[in-house]
């Protein structure tokens, strides 16, 4: 698992899948912006904390099935001109936190 805890730009790109398919391949809980500028491949899902800063993907993203779904529940996730492919479930946003109310 890659645990992202930086408060600035993160450059992670891979054509070889990150992780081993057990648990989240990447967990983002930084309140600063997280940016993936290159192609990203993971063996399992990517998760974010409710309070995580904006996440931006600029290169193609490929997420294998693994045992963990992708849940990007932070307020803002940017998909910038790429192909986002996942063999498992993907959730963007958190209706309970970000919805009307």
PDB file of N, CA and C in Angstrom:
ATOM      1  N   UNK A   1       0.846  -1.164   0.000  1.00  0.00           N
ATOM      2  CA  UNK A   1       0.000   0.000   0.000  1.00  0.00           C
ATOM      3  C   UNK A   1       0.891   1.227   0.000  1.00  0.00           C
ATOM      4  N   UNK A   2       0.526   2.209  -0.792  1.00  0.00           N
ATOM      5  CA  UNK A   2       1.210   3.500  -0.816  1.00  0.00           C
ATOM      6  C   UNK A   2       0.342   4.466  -0.038  1.00  0.00           C
ATOM      7  N   UNK A   3       0.870   5.004   1.042  1.00  0.00           N
ATOM      8  CA  UNK A   3       0.125   5.940   1.875  1.00  0.00           C
ATOM      9  C   UNK A   3       0.626   7.337   1.576  1.00  0.00           C
ATOM     10  N   UNK A   4      -0.265   8.176   1.029  1.00  0.00           N
ATOM     11  CA  UNK A   4       0.123   9.529   0.649  1.00  0.00           C
ATOM     12  C   UNK A   4      -0.235  10.466   1.793  1.00  0.00           C
ATOM     13  N   UNK A   5       0.766  11.085   2.410  1.00  0.00           N
ATOM     14  CA  UNK A   5       0.539  11.986   3.523  1.00  0.00           C
ATOM     15  C   UNK A   5       1.283  13.293   3.316  1.00  0.00           C
ATOM     16  N   UNK A   6       1.413  13.722   2.100  1.00  0.00           N
ATOM     17  CA  UNK A   6       2.138  14.948   1.811  1.00  0.00           C
ATOM     18  C   UNK A   6       1.169  16.106   1.678  1.00  0.00           C
ATOM     19  N   UNK A   7       1.652  17.293   1.907  1.00  0.00           N
ATOM     20  CA  UNK A   7       0.793  18.461   1.784  1.00  0.00           C
ATOM     21  C   UNK A   7       1.117  19.248   0.524  1.00  0.00           C
ATOM     22  N   UNK A   8       1.801  18.632  -0.409  1.00  0.00           N
ATOM     23  CA  UNK A   8       2.123  19.285  -1.663  1.00  0.00           C
ATOM     24  C   UNK A   8       1.942  18.305  -2.805  1.00  0.00           C
ATOM     25  N   UNK A   9       2.429  18.661  -3.956  1.00  0.00           N
ATOM     26  CA  UNK A   9       2.276  17.868  -5.167  1.00  0.00           C
ATOM     27  C   UNK A   9       2.976  16.516  -5.047  1.00  0.00           C
ATOM     28  N   UNK A  10       2.276  15.467  -5.477  1.00  0.00           N
ATOM     29  CA  UNK A  10       2.817  14.114  -5.440  1.00  0.00           C
ATOM     30  C   UNK A  10       2.887  13.601  -6.865  1.00  0.00           C
ATOM     31  N   UNK A  11       4.051  13.170  -7.286  1.00  0.00           N
ATOM     32  CA  UNK A  11       4.201  12.606  -8.620  1.00  0.00           C
ATOM     33  C   UNK A  11       4.347  11.096  -8.503  1.00  0.00           C
ATOM     34  N   UNK A  12       3.308  10.374  -8.897  1.00  0.00           N
ATOM     35  CA  UNK A  12       3.337   8.916  -8.868  1.00  0.00           C
ATOM     36  C   UNK A  12       2.815   8.448 -10.205  1.00  0.00           C
ATOM     37  N   UNK A  13       3.592   7.652 -10.891  1.00  0.00           N
ATOM     38  CA  UNK A  13       3.141   7.105 -12.159  1.00  0.00           C
ATOM     39  C   UNK A  13       3.741   5.734 -12.323  1.00  0.00           C
ATOM     40  N   UNK A  14       2.995   4.842 -12.936  1.00  0.00           N
ATOM     41  CA  UNK A  14       3.488   3.491 -13.024  1.00  0.00           C
ATOM     42  C   UNK A  14       2.802   2.728 -14.146  1.00  0.00           C
ATOM     43  N   UNK A  15       3.561   1.949 -14.865  1.00  0.00           N
ATOM     44  CA  UNK A  15       2.962   1.004 -15.806  1.00  0.00           C
ATOM     45  C   UNK A  15       2.933  -0.373 -15.162  1.00  0.00           C
ATOM     46  N   UNK A  16       3.683  -0.551 -14.076  1.00  0.00           N
ATOM     47  CA  UNK A  16       3.613  -1.753 -13.258  1.00  0.00           C
ATOM     48  C   UNK A  16       2.703  -1.428 -12.082  1.00  0.00           C
ATOM     49  N   UNK A  17       1.719  -2.271 -11.855  1.00  0.00           N
ATOM     50  CA  UNK A  17       0.714  -1.980 -10.832  1.00  0.00           C
ATOM     51  C   UNK A  17       1.330  -1.805  -9.450  1.00  0.00           C
ATOM     52  N   UNK A  18       0.851  -0.771  -8.750  1.00  0.00           N
ATOM     53  CA  UNK A  18       1.234  -0.518  -7.372  1.00  0.00           C
ATOM     54  C   UNK A  18       0.353  -1.382  -6.481  1.00  0.00           C
ATOM     55  N   UNK A  19       0.930  -1.995  -5.469  1.00  0.00           N
ATOM     56  CA  UNK A  19       0.175  -2.821  -4.525  1.00  0.00           C
ATOM     57  C   UNK A  19       0.170  -4.278  -4.916  1.00  0.00           C
ATOM     58  N   UNK A  20      -0.423  -5.092  -4.030  1.00  0.00           N
ATOM     59  CA  UNK A  20      -0.448  -6.542  -4.257  1.00  0.00           C
ATOM     60  C   UNK A  20      -1.857  -7.096  -4.393  1.00  0.00           C
ATOM     61  N   UNK A  21      -2.859  -6.224  -4.460  1.00  0.00           N
ATOM     62  CA  UNK A  21      -4.241  -6.678  -4.622  1.00  0.00           C
ATOM     63  C   UNK A  21      -4.966  -6.866  -3.306  1.00  0.00           C
ATOM     64  N   UNK A  22      -4.267  -6.662  -2.182  1.00  0.00           N
ATOM     65  CA  UNK A  22      -4.873  -6.783  -0.862  1.00  0.00           C
ATOM     66  C   UNK A  22      -4.878  -5.426  -0.197  1.00  0.00           C
ATOM     67  N   UNK A  23      -6.065  -4.951   0.171  1.00  0.00           N
ATOM     68  CA  UNK A  23      -6.175  -3.620   0.759  1.00  0.00           C
ATOM     69  C   UNK A  23      -5.998  -2.555  -0.312  1.00  0.00           C
ATOM     70  N   UNK A  24      -6.165  -1.311   0.082  1.00  0.00           N
ATOM     71  CA  UNK A  24      -6.022  -0.203  -0.872  1.00  0.00           C
ATOM     72  C   UNK A  24      -4.577  -0.125  -1.363  1.00  0.00           C
ATOM     73  N   UNK A  25      -4.420   0.055  -2.662  1.00  0.00           N
ATOM     74  CA  UNK A  25      -3.076   0.212  -3.220  1.00  0.00           C
ATOM     75  C   UNK A  25      -2.520   1.581  -2.866  1.00  0.00           C
ATOM     76  N   UNK A  26      -3.395   2.594  -2.815  1.00  0.00           N
ATOM     77  CA  UNK A  26      -3.006   3.958  -2.447  1.00  0.00           C
ATOM     78  C   UNK A  26      -4.087   4.524  -1.529  1.00  0.00           C
ATOM     79  N   UNK A  27      -3.669   5.100  -0.417  1.00  0.00           N
ATOM     80  CA  UNK A  27      -4.571   5.788   0.490  1.00  0.00           C
ATOM     81  C   UNK A  27      -4.143   7.248   0.563  1.00  0.00           C
ATOM     82  N   UNK A  28      -5.080   8.152   0.283  1.00  0.00           N
ATOM     83  CA  UNK A  28      -4.776   9.585   0.288  1.00  0.00           C
ATOM     84  C   UNK A  28      -5.517  10.223   1.451  1.00  0.00           C
ATOM     85  N   UNK A  29      -4.747  10.774   2.402  1.00  0.00           N
ATOM     86  CA  UNK A  29      -5.390  11.447   3.527  1.00  0.00           C
ATOM     87  C   UNK A  29      -4.782  12.817   3.808  1.00  0.00           C
ATOM     88  N   UNK A  30      -4.022  13.321   2.864  1.00  0.00           N
ATOM     89  CA  UNK A  30      -3.421  14.642   2.977  1.00  0.00           C
ATOM     90  C   UNK A  30      -4.462  15.721   2.723  1.00  0.00           C
ATOM     91  N   UNK A  31      -4.421  16.804   3.474  1.00  0.00           N
ATOM     92  CA  UNK A  31      -5.354  17.906   3.231  1.00  0.00           C
ATOM     93  C   UNK A  31      -4.884  18.804   2.093  1.00  0.00           C
ATOM     94  N   UNK A  32      -3.652  18.620   1.638  1.00  0.00           N
ATOM     95  CA  UNK A  32      -3.151  19.366   0.493  1.00  0.00           C
ATOM     96  C   UNK A  32      -3.543  18.678  -0.803  1.00  0.00           C
ATOM     97  N   UNK A  33      -3.322  19.352  -1.912  1.00  0.00           N
ATOM     98  CA  UNK A  33      -3.638  18.787  -3.225  1.00  0.00           C
ATOM     99  C   UNK A  33      -2.717  17.605  -3.527  1.00  0.00           C
ATOM    100  N   UNK A  34      -3.266  16.585  -4.188  1.00  0.00           N
ATOM    101  CA  UNK A  34      -2.508  15.419  -4.635  1.00  0.00           C
ATOM    102  C   UNK A  34      -2.677  15.317  -6.137  1.00  0.00           C
ATOM    103  N   UNK A  35      -1.567  15.265  -6.877  1.00  0.00           N
ATOM    104  CA  UNK A  35      -1.629  15.219  -8.332  1.00  0.00           C
ATOM    105  C   UNK A  35      -0.849  14.028  -8.860  1.00  0.00           C
ATOM    106  N   UNK A  36      -1.506  13.266  -9.738  1.00  0.00           N
ATOM    107  CA  UNK A  36      -0.885  12.147 -10.427  1.00  0.00           C
ATOM    108  C   UNK A  36      -0.703  12.589 -11.875  1.00  0.00           C
ATOM    109  N   UNK A  37       0.525  12.887 -12.271  1.00  0.00           N
ATOM    110  CA  UNK A  37       0.786  13.451 -13.596  1.00  0.00           C
ATOM    111  C   UNK A  37       1.065  12.401 -14.664  1.00  0.00           C
ATOM    112  N   UNK A  38       1.333  11.179 -14.260  1.00  0.00           N
ATOM    113  CA  UNK A  38       1.705  10.135 -15.203  1.00  0.00           C
ATOM    114  C   UNK A  38       0.672   9.017 -15.189  1.00  0.00           C
ATOM    115  N   UNK A  39       0.867   8.054 -16.071  1.00  0.00           N
ATOM    116  CA  UNK A  39       0.033   6.862 -16.085  1.00  0.00           C
ATOM    117  C   UNK A  39       0.111   6.186 -14.729  1.00  0.00           C
ATOM    118  N   UNK A  40      -1.032   5.724 -14.231  1.00  0.00           N
ATOM    119  CA  UNK A  40      -1.097   5.091 -12.921  1.00  0.00           C
ATOM    120  C   UNK A  40      -1.799   3.749 -13.045  1.00  0.00           C
ATOM    121  N   UNK A  41      -1.171   2.707 -12.525  1.00  0.00           N
ATOM    122  CA  UNK A  41      -1.771   1.378 -12.494  1.00  0.00           C
ATOM    123  C   UNK A  41      -1.698   0.855 -11.071  1.00  0.00           C
ATOM    124  N   UNK A  42      -2.817   0.323 -10.567  1.00  0.00           N
ATOM    125  CA  UNK A  42      -2.830  -0.233  -9.221  1.00  0.00           C
ATOM    126  C   UNK A  42      -3.407  -1.646  -9.250  1.00  0.00           C
ATOM    127  N   UNK A  43      -2.999  -2.461  -8.280  1.00  0.00           N
ATOM    128  CA  UNK A  43      -3.486  -3.834  -8.180  1.00  0.00           C
ATOM    129  C   UNK A  43      -4.786  -3.918  -7.386  1.00  0.00           C
ATOM    130  N   UNK A  44      -5.175  -2.826  -6.751  1.00  0.00           N
ATOM    131  CA  UNK A  44      -6.406  -2.756  -5.976  1.00  0.00           C
ATOM    132  C   UNK A  44      -6.858  -1.296  -5.968  1.00  0.00           C
ATOM    133  N   UNK A  45      -7.911  -1.000  -5.249  1.00  0.00           N
ATOM    134  CA  UNK A  45      -8.496   0.330  -5.269  1.00  0.00           C
ATOM    135  C   UNK A  45      -7.649   1.428  -4.651  1.00  0.00           C
ATOM    136  N   UNK A  46      -8.098   2.668  -4.883  1.00  0.00           N
ATOM    137  CA  UNK A  46      -7.488   3.868  -4.320  1.00  0.00           C
ATOM    138  C   UNK A  46      -8.536   4.470  -3.389  1.00  0.00           C
ATOM    139  N   UNK A  47      -8.130   4.862  -2.187  1.00  0.00           N
ATOM    140  CA  UNK A  47      -9.079   5.450  -1.256  1.00  0.00           C
ATOM    141  C   UNK A  47      -8.602   6.821  -0.807  1.00  0.00           C
ATOM    142  N   UNK A  48      -9.574   7.678  -0.447  1.00  0.00           N
ATOM    143  CA  UNK A  48      -9.231   8.986   0.097  1.00  0.00           C
ATOM    144  C   UNK A  48     -10.076   9.250   1.336  1.00  0.00           C
ATOM    145  N   UNK A  49      -9.542  10.068   2.202  1.00  0.00           N
ATOM    146  CA  UNK A  49     -10.225  10.501   3.412  1.00  0.00           C
ATOM    147  C   UNK A  49     -11.217  11.611   3.056  1.00  0.00           C
ATOM    148  N   UNK A  50     -12.286  11.758   3.823  1.00  0.00           N
ATOM    149  CA  UNK A  50     -13.248  12.850   3.618  1.00  0.00           C
ATOM    150  C   UNK A  50     -12.578  14.208   3.555  1.00  0.00           C
ATOM    151  N   UNK A  51     -11.572  14.406   4.364  1.00  0.00           N
ATOM    152  CA  UNK A  51     -10.917  15.710   4.468  1.00  0.00           C
ATOM    153  C   UNK A  51      -9.714  15.861   3.547  1.00  0.00           C
ATOM    154  N   UNK A  52      -9.489  14.904   2.672  1.00  0.00           N
ATOM    155  CA  UNK A  52      -8.354  14.998   1.746  1.00  0.00           C
ATOM    156  C   UNK A  52      -8.550  16.180   0.806  1.00  0.00           C
ATOM    157  N   UNK A  53      -7.441  16.795   0.406  1.00  0.00           N
ATOM    158  CA  UNK A  53      -7.493  17.900  -0.549  1.00  0.00           C
ATOM    159  C   UNK A  53      -7.867  17.396  -1.932  1.00  0.00           C
ATOM    160  N   UNK A  54      -7.906  18.309  -2.882  1.00  0.00           N
ATOM    161  CA  UNK A  54      -8.260  17.966  -4.265  1.00  0.00           C
ATOM    162  C   UNK A  54      -7.283  16.930  -4.815  1.00  0.00           C
ATOM    163  N   UNK A  55      -7.812  15.975  -5.569  1.00  0.00           N
ATOM    164  CA  UNK A  55      -7.006  14.945  -6.219  1.00  0.00           C
ATOM    165  C   UNK A  55      -7.156  15.145  -7.720  1.00  0.00           C
ATOM    166  N   UNK A  56      -6.030  15.164  -8.438  1.00  0.00           N
ATOM    167  CA  UNK A  56      -6.050  15.333  -9.885  1.00  0.00           C
ATOM    168  C   UNK A  56      -5.302  14.184 -10.540  1.00  0.00           C
ATOM    169  N   UNK A  57      -5.962  13.542 -11.509  1.00  0.00           N
ATOM    170  CA  UNK A  57      -5.333  12.516 -12.337  1.00  0.00           C
ATOM    171  C   UNK A  57      -5.155  13.109 -13.725  1.00  0.00           C
ATOM    172  N   UNK A  58      -3.927  13.103 -14.263  1.00  0.00           N
ATOM    173  CA  UNK A  58      -3.666  13.655 -15.593  1.00  0.00           C
ATOM    174  C   UNK A  58      -3.309  12.583 -16.611  1.00  0.00           C
ATOM    175  N   UNK A  59      -2.787  11.453 -16.148  1.00  0.00           N
ATOM    176  CA  UNK A  59      -2.464  10.351 -17.041  1.00  0.00           C
ATOM    177  C   UNK A  59      -3.525   9.277 -16.914  1.00  0.00           C
ATOM    178  N   UNK A  60      -3.519   8.320 -17.822  1.00  0.00           N
ATOM    179  CA  UNK A  60      -4.486   7.226 -17.768  1.00  0.00           C
ATOM    180  C   UNK A  60      -4.365   6.477 -16.443  1.00  0.00           C
ATOM    181  N   UNK A  61      -5.513   6.021 -15.922  1.00  0.00           N
ATOM    182  CA  UNK A  61      -5.571   5.291 -14.657  1.00  0.00           C
ATOM    183  C   UNK A  61      -6.176   3.917 -14.926  1.00  0.00           C
ATOM    184  N   UNK A  62      -5.500   2.868 -14.472  1.00  0.00           N
ATOM    185  CA  UNK A  62      -6.005   1.501 -14.594  1.00  0.00           C
ATOM    186  C   UNK A  62      -5.961   0.855 -13.219  1.00  0.00           C
ATOM    187  N   UNK A  63      -7.135   0.453 -12.724  1.00  0.00           N
ATOM    188  CA  UNK A  63      -7.241  -0.137 -11.391  1.00  0.00           C
ATOM    189  C   UNK A  63      -7.708  -1.580 -11.546  1.00  0.00           C
ATOM    190  N   UNK A  64      -6.896  -2.524 -11.084  1.00  0.00           N
ATOM    191  CA  UNK A  64      -7.251  -3.947 -11.147  1.00  0.00           C
ATOM    192  C   UNK A  64      -8.280  -4.257 -10.058  1.00  0.00           C
ATOM    193  N   UNK A  65      -8.860  -5.465 -10.123  1.00  0.00           N
ATOM    194  CA  UNK A  65      -9.946  -5.831  -9.217  1.00  0.00           C
ATOM    195  C   UNK A  65      -9.524  -5.826  -7.754  1.00  0.00           C
ATOM    196  N   UNK A  66      -8.434  -6.472  -7.406  1.00  0.00           N
ATOM    197  CA  UNK A  66      -8.011  -6.516  -6.012  1.00  0.00           C
ATOM    198  C   UNK A  66      -9.170  -6.814  -5.081  1.00  0.00           C
ATOM    199  N   UNK A  67      -9.008  -6.509  -3.784  1.00  0.00           N
ATOM    200  CA  UNK A  67     -10.084  -6.765  -2.837  1.00  0.00           C
ATOM    201  C   UNK A  67     -10.669  -5.485  -2.247  1.00  0.00           C
ATOM    202  N   UNK A  68     -10.274  -4.319  -2.795  1.00  0.00           N
ATOM    203  CA  UNK A  68     -10.731  -3.047  -2.250  1.00  0.00           C
ATOM    204  C   UNK A  68     -11.251  -2.149  -3.374  1.00  0.00           C
ATOM    205  N   UNK A  69     -12.459  -1.664  -3.212  1.00  0.00           N
ATOM    206  CA  UNK A  69     -13.041  -0.755  -4.198  1.00  0.00           C
ATOM    207  C   UNK A  69     -12.352   0.606  -4.123  1.00  0.00           C
ATOM    208  N   UNK A  70     -12.481   1.401  -5.181  1.00  0.00           N
ATOM    209  CA  UNK A  70     -11.967   2.766  -5.191  1.00  0.00           C
ATOM    210  C   UNK A  70     -13.030   3.687  -4.622  1.00  0.00           C
ATOM    211  N   UNK A  71     -12.679   4.428  -3.569  1.00  0.00           N
ATOM    212  CA  UNK A  71     -13.597   5.371  -2.947  1.00  0.00           C
ATOM    213  C   UNK A  71     -12.866   6.694  -2.766  1.00  0.00           C
ATOM    214  N   UNK A  72     -13.142   7.607  -3.664  1.00  0.00           N
ATOM    215  CA  UNK A  72     -12.540   8.940  -3.613  1.00  0.00           C
ATOM    216  C   UNK A  72     -13.606   9.881  -3.082  1.00  0.00           C
ATOM    217  N   UNK A  73     -13.702   9.935  -1.747  1.00  0.00           N
ATOM    218  CA  UNK A  73     -14.812  10.637  -1.099  1.00  0.00           C
ATOM    219  C   UNK A  73     -14.456  12.056  -0.671  1.00  0.00           C
ATOM    220  N   UNK A  74     -13.278  12.510  -1.059  1.00  0.00           N
ATOM    221  CA  UNK A  74     -12.925  13.907  -0.796  1.00  0.00           C
ATOM    222  C   UNK A  74     -13.818  14.808  -1.644  1.00  0.00           C
ATOM    223  N   UNK A  75     -13.779  16.110  -1.389  1.00  0.00           N
ATOM    224  CA  UNK A  75     -14.698  17.043  -2.039  1.00  0.00           C
ATOM    225  C   UNK A  75     -14.470  17.195  -3.542  1.00  0.00           C
ATOM    226  N   UNK A  76     -13.201  17.154  -4.012  1.00  0.00           N
ATOM    227  CA  UNK A  76     -12.917  17.430  -5.419  1.00  0.00           C
ATOM    228  C   UNK A  76     -11.949  16.385  -5.976  1.00  0.00           C
ATOM    229  N   UNK A  77     -12.370  15.728  -7.069  1.00  0.00           N
ATOM    230  CA  UNK A  77     -11.489  14.839  -7.827  1.00  0.00           C
ATOM    231  C   UNK A  77     -11.541  15.283  -9.276  1.00  0.00           C
ATOM    232  N   UNK A  78     -10.389  15.644  -9.833  1.00  0.00           N
ATOM    233  CA  UNK A  78     -10.300  16.131 -11.211  1.00  0.00           C
ATOM    234  C   UNK A  78      -9.786  15.026 -12.122  1.00  0.00           C
ATOM    235  N   UNK A  79     -10.501  14.771 -13.203  1.00  0.00           N
ATOM    236  CA  UNK A  79     -10.075  13.818 -14.232  1.00  0.00           C
ATOM    237  C   UNK A  79      -9.739  14.660 -15.458  1.00  0.00           C
ATOM    238  N   UNK A  80      -8.453  14.804 -15.741  1.00  0.00           N
ATOM    239  CA  UNK A  80      -7.979  15.782 -16.716  1.00  0.00           C
ATOM    240  C   UNK A  80      -7.500  15.107 -18.002  1.00  0.00           C
ATOM    241  N   UNK A  81      -8.419  14.868 -18.956  1.00  0.00           N
ATOM    242  CA  UNK A  81      -8.067  14.359 -20.283  1.00  0.00           C
ATOM    243  C   UNK A  81      -7.425  12.993 -20.277  1.00  0.00           C
ATOM    244  N   UNK A  82      -8.067  12.025 -19.682  1.00  0.00           N
ATOM    245  CA  UNK A  82      -7.479  10.711 -19.517  1.00  0.00           C
ATOM    246  C   UNK A  82      -8.538   9.632 -19.652  1.00  0.00           C
ATOM    247  N   UNK A  83      -8.093   8.388 -19.634  1.00  0.00           N
ATOM    248  CA  UNK A  83      -8.993   7.245 -19.564  1.00  0.00           C
ATOM    249  C   UNK A  83      -8.876   6.653 -18.174  1.00  0.00           C
ATOM    250  N   UNK A  84     -10.011   6.529 -17.472  1.00  0.00           N
ATOM    251  CA  UNK A  84     -10.054   5.987 -16.110  1.00  0.00           C
ATOM    252  C   UNK A  84     -10.754   4.644 -16.203  1.00  0.00           C
ATOM    253  N   UNK A  85     -10.025   3.550 -15.953  1.00  0.00           N
ATOM    254  CA  UNK A  85     -10.559   2.202 -16.085  1.00  0.00           C
ATOM    255  C   UNK A  85     -10.415   1.466 -14.761  1.00  0.00           C
ATOM    256  N   UNK A  86     -11.494   0.825 -14.322  1.00  0.00           N
ATOM    257  CA  UNK A  86     -11.434   0.064 -13.079  1.00  0.00           C
ATOM    258  C   UNK A  86     -12.154  -1.262 -13.246  1.00  0.00           C
ATOM    259  N   UNK A  87     -11.539  -2.329 -12.742  1.00  0.00           N
ATOM    260  CA  UNK A  87     -12.171  -3.645 -12.764  1.00  0.00           C
ATOM    261  C   UNK A  87     -13.140  -3.810 -11.596  1.00  0.00           C
ATOM    262  N   UNK A  88     -13.158  -2.856 -10.675  1.00  0.00           N
ATOM    263  CA  UNK A  88     -14.051  -2.911  -9.514  1.00  0.00           C
ATOM    264  C   UNK A  88     -14.893  -1.655  -9.422  1.00  0.00           C
ATOM    265  N   UNK A  89     -15.626  -1.537  -8.333  1.00  0.00           N
ATOM    266  CA  UNK A  89     -16.495  -0.382  -8.103  1.00  0.00           C
ATOM    267  C   UNK A  89     -15.667   0.873  -7.857  1.00  0.00           C
ATOM    268  N   UNK A  90     -16.234   2.027  -8.283  1.00  0.00           N
ATOM    269  CA  UNK A  90     -15.604   3.326  -8.060  1.00  0.00           C
ATOM    270  C   UNK A  90     -16.669   4.292  -7.540  1.00  0.00           C
ATOM    271  N   UNK A  91     -16.350   5.012  -6.466  1.00  0.00           N
ATOM    272  CA  UNK A  91     -17.240   6.027  -5.909  1.00  0.00           C
ATOM    273  C   UNK A  91     -16.499   7.351  -5.884  1.00  0.00           C
ATOM    274  N   UNK A  92     -17.121   8.381  -6.454  1.00  0.00           N
ATOM    275  CA  UNK A  92     -16.577   9.733  -6.405  1.00  0.00           C
ATOM    276  C   UNK A  92     -17.482  10.564  -5.502  1.00  0.00           C
ATOM    277  N   UNK A  93     -16.917  11.223  -4.511  1.00  0.00           N
ATOM    278  CA  UNK A  93     -17.685  12.088  -3.630  1.00  0.00           C
ATOM    279  C   UNK A  93     -18.409  11.324  -2.543  1.00  0.00           C
ATOM    280  N   UNK A  94     -18.942  12.099  -1.622  1.00  0.00           N
ATOM    281  CA  UNK A  94     -19.646  11.538  -0.480  1.00  0.00           C
ATOM    282  C   UNK A  94     -20.949  12.305  -0.341  1.00  0.00           C
ATOM    283  N   UNK A  95     -22.043  11.711  -0.807  1.00  0.00           N
ATOM    284  CA  UNK A  95     -23.333  12.405  -0.819  1.00  0.00           C
ATOM    285  C   UNK A  95     -23.716  12.894   0.569  1.00  0.00           C
ATOM    286  N   UNK A  96     -23.417  12.110   1.599  1.00  0.00           N
ATOM    287  CA  UNK A  96     -23.782  12.499   2.956  1.00  0.00           C
ATOM    288  C   UNK A  96     -23.042  13.758   3.394  1.00  0.00           C
ATOM    289  N   UNK A  97     -21.826  13.939   2.907  1.00  0.00           N
ATOM    290  CA  UNK A  97     -21.028  15.091   3.327  1.00  0.00           C
ATOM    291  C   UNK A  97     -21.125  16.242   2.338  1.00  0.00           C
ATOM    292  N   UNK A  98     -21.150  15.937   1.036  1.00  0.00           N
ATOM    293  CA  UNK A  98     -21.070  16.964   0.019  1.00  0.00           C
ATOM    294  C   UNK A  98     -22.420  17.362  -0.571  1.00  0.00           C
ATOM    295  N   UNK A  99     -23.456  16.626  -0.233  1.00  0.00           N
ATOM    296  CA  UNK A  99     -24.768  16.884  -0.819  1.00  0.00           C
ATOM    297  C   UNK A  99     -25.477  18.062  -0.176  1.00  0.00           C
ATOM    298  N   UNK A 100     -26.693  18.307  -0.608  1.00  0.00           N
ATOM    299  CA  UNK A 100     -27.460  19.421  -0.051  1.00  0.00           C
ATOM    300  C   UNK A 100     -27.678  19.236   1.452  1.00  0.00           C
ATOM    301  N   UNK A 101     -27.808  20.329   2.131  1.00  0.00           N
ATOM    302  CA  UNK A 101     -28.128  20.145   3.514  1.00  0.00           C
ATOM    303  C   UNK A 101     -27.757  21.222   4.367  1.00  0.00           C
TER     304      UNK A 101
END
